[in-house]
Amino acid sequence: MPKFSSDAAERAFWEKTDSTAYVDWSKSVRVELPNLKPSARKSDP
């Protein structure tokens, strides 16, 4: 997994990179978050 100097650098990387080269999605596990509530503030784009 690459190391990033900032969140912006990581975001730019994943916007143009296919995650299948880094993540084995066949080993993924579904998770349920029944008590998840909407954020009280807008998140950054």
N, C-alpha and C. Protein backbone atom coordinates (compact mmCIF):
# COMPACT_ATOMS: atom_id res chain seq x y z
N MET A 1 0.84 -1.16 0.00
CA MET A 1 0.00 0.00 0.00
C MET A 1 0.90 1.24 0.00
N PRO A 2 0.65 2.18 -0.86
CA PRO A 2 1.49 3.39 -0.89
C PRO A 2 1.28 4.26 0.34
N LYS A 3 2.31 5.03 0.68
CA LYS A 3 2.23 6.01 1.77
C LYS A 3 1.95 7.37 1.13
N PHE A 4 1.15 8.19 1.80
CA PHE A 4 0.77 9.49 1.26
C PHE A 4 1.18 10.60 2.21
N SER A 5 1.55 11.74 1.64
CA SER A 5 1.99 12.87 2.46
C SER A 5 0.81 13.67 3.01
N SER A 6 -0.37 13.48 2.41
CA SER A 6 -1.56 14.22 2.88
C SER A 6 -2.82 13.50 2.41
N ASP A 7 -3.95 13.92 2.98
CA ASP A 7 -5.24 13.37 2.55
C ASP A 7 -5.51 13.73 1.08
N ALA A 8 -5.11 14.94 0.69
CA ALA A 8 -5.32 15.37 -0.69
C ALA A 8 -4.53 14.50 -1.66
N ALA A 9 -3.30 14.14 -1.31
CA ALA A 9 -2.49 13.27 -2.16
C ALA A 9 -3.11 11.89 -2.27
N GLU A 10 -3.63 11.38 -1.16
CA GLU A 10 -4.28 10.06 -1.19
C GLU A 10 -5.55 10.10 -2.04
N ARG A 11 -6.34 11.16 -1.87
CA ARG A 11 -7.57 11.31 -2.64
C ARG A 11 -7.27 11.35 -4.14
N ALA A 12 -6.25 12.12 -4.52
CA ALA A 12 -5.88 12.24 -5.94
C ALA A 12 -5.44 10.89 -6.49
N PHE A 13 -4.69 10.12 -5.68
CA PHE A 13 -4.23 8.80 -6.10
C PHE A 13 -5.40 7.87 -6.38
N TRP A 14 -6.35 7.78 -5.43
CA TRP A 14 -7.46 6.84 -5.58
C TRP A 14 -8.46 7.28 -6.64
N GLU A 15 -8.49 8.56 -6.96
CA GLU A 15 -9.39 9.02 -8.03
C GLU A 15 -8.98 8.47 -9.39
N LYS A 16 -7.68 8.17 -9.56
CA LYS A 16 -7.22 7.69 -10.86
C LYS A 16 -6.63 6.28 -10.84
N THR A 17 -6.73 5.59 -9.70
CA THR A 17 -6.14 4.27 -9.56
C THR A 17 -7.20 3.23 -9.24
N ASP A 18 -7.11 2.08 -9.88
CA ASP A 18 -8.03 0.97 -9.63
C ASP A 18 -7.59 0.24 -8.36
N SER A 19 -8.48 0.11 -7.41
CA SER A 19 -8.14 -0.50 -6.12
C SER A 19 -7.86 -1.99 -6.20
N THR A 20 -8.25 -2.65 -7.29
CA THR A 20 -8.05 -4.10 -7.37
C THR A 20 -6.58 -4.49 -7.38
N ALA A 21 -5.68 -3.57 -7.69
CA ALA A 21 -4.25 -3.86 -7.64
C ALA A 21 -3.74 -3.86 -6.19
N TYR A 22 -4.50 -3.30 -5.27
CA TYR A 22 -4.06 -3.15 -3.88
C TYR A 22 -4.93 -3.89 -2.88
N VAL A 23 -6.18 -4.19 -3.22
CA VAL A 23 -7.12 -4.80 -2.28
C VAL A 23 -7.68 -6.09 -2.89
N ASP A 24 -7.68 -7.15 -2.10
CA ASP A 24 -8.28 -8.40 -2.54
C ASP A 24 -9.75 -8.39 -2.10
N TRP A 25 -10.61 -7.93 -2.99
CA TRP A 25 -12.02 -7.76 -2.64
C TRP A 25 -12.72 -9.10 -2.42
N SER A 26 -12.13 -10.21 -2.82
CA SER A 26 -12.75 -11.52 -2.58
C SER A 26 -12.71 -11.88 -1.09
N LYS A 27 -11.84 -11.20 -0.32
CA LYS A 27 -11.75 -11.46 1.12
C LYS A 27 -12.51 -10.42 1.93
N SER A 28 -13.28 -9.59 1.26
CA SER A 28 -14.02 -8.55 1.97
C SER A 28 -15.15 -9.15 2.80
N VAL A 29 -15.57 -8.41 3.80
CA VAL A 29 -16.63 -8.86 4.70
C VAL A 29 -17.69 -7.76 4.76
N ARG A 30 -18.94 -8.13 4.59
CA ARG A 30 -20.03 -7.16 4.68
C ARG A 30 -20.25 -6.78 6.13
N VAL A 31 -20.44 -5.50 6.37
CA VAL A 31 -20.67 -4.99 7.73
C VAL A 31 -22.00 -4.25 7.77
N GLU A 32 -22.70 -4.38 8.87
CA GLU A 32 -23.95 -3.63 9.05
C GLU A 32 -23.74 -2.62 10.16
N LEU A 33 -24.20 -1.39 9.93
CA LEU A 33 -24.09 -0.32 10.91
C LEU A 33 -25.49 0.20 11.20
N PRO A 34 -26.25 -0.52 12.01
CA PRO A 34 -27.66 -0.18 12.21
C PRO A 34 -27.90 1.15 12.94
N ASN A 35 -26.94 1.61 13.72
CA ASN A 35 -27.14 2.84 14.49
C ASN A 35 -26.46 4.05 13.86
N LEU A 36 -26.04 3.92 12.62
CA LEU A 36 -25.36 5.02 11.93
C LEU A 36 -26.34 6.15 11.68
N LYS A 37 -25.93 7.38 12.02
CA LYS A 37 -26.80 8.53 11.85
C LYS A 37 -26.14 9.53 10.89
N PRO A 38 -26.91 10.33 10.22
CA PRO A 38 -26.33 11.33 9.30
C PRO A 38 -25.43 12.31 10.06
N SER A 39 -24.43 12.79 9.37
CA SER A 39 -23.53 13.77 9.95
C SER A 39 -24.26 15.07 10.24
N ALA A 40 -23.86 15.76 11.29
CA ALA A 40 -24.49 17.03 11.66
C ALA A 40 -23.96 18.19 10.81
N ARG A 41 -22.83 17.95 10.13
CA ARG A 41 -22.26 19.00 9.29
C ARG A 41 -21.90 18.43 7.93
N LYS A 42 -21.75 19.32 6.95
CA LYS A 42 -21.37 18.88 5.61
C LYS A 42 -19.92 18.46 5.60
N SER A 43 -19.60 17.40 4.89
CA SER A 43 -18.21 16.97 4.77
C SER A 43 -17.56 17.68 3.60
N ASP A 44 -16.24 17.73 3.61
CA ASP A 44 -15.50 18.35 2.50
C ASP A 44 -15.65 17.50 1.26
N PRO A 45 -15.73 18.12 0.10
CA PRO A 45 -15.87 17.35 -1.15
C PRO A 45 -14.64 16.57 -1.49
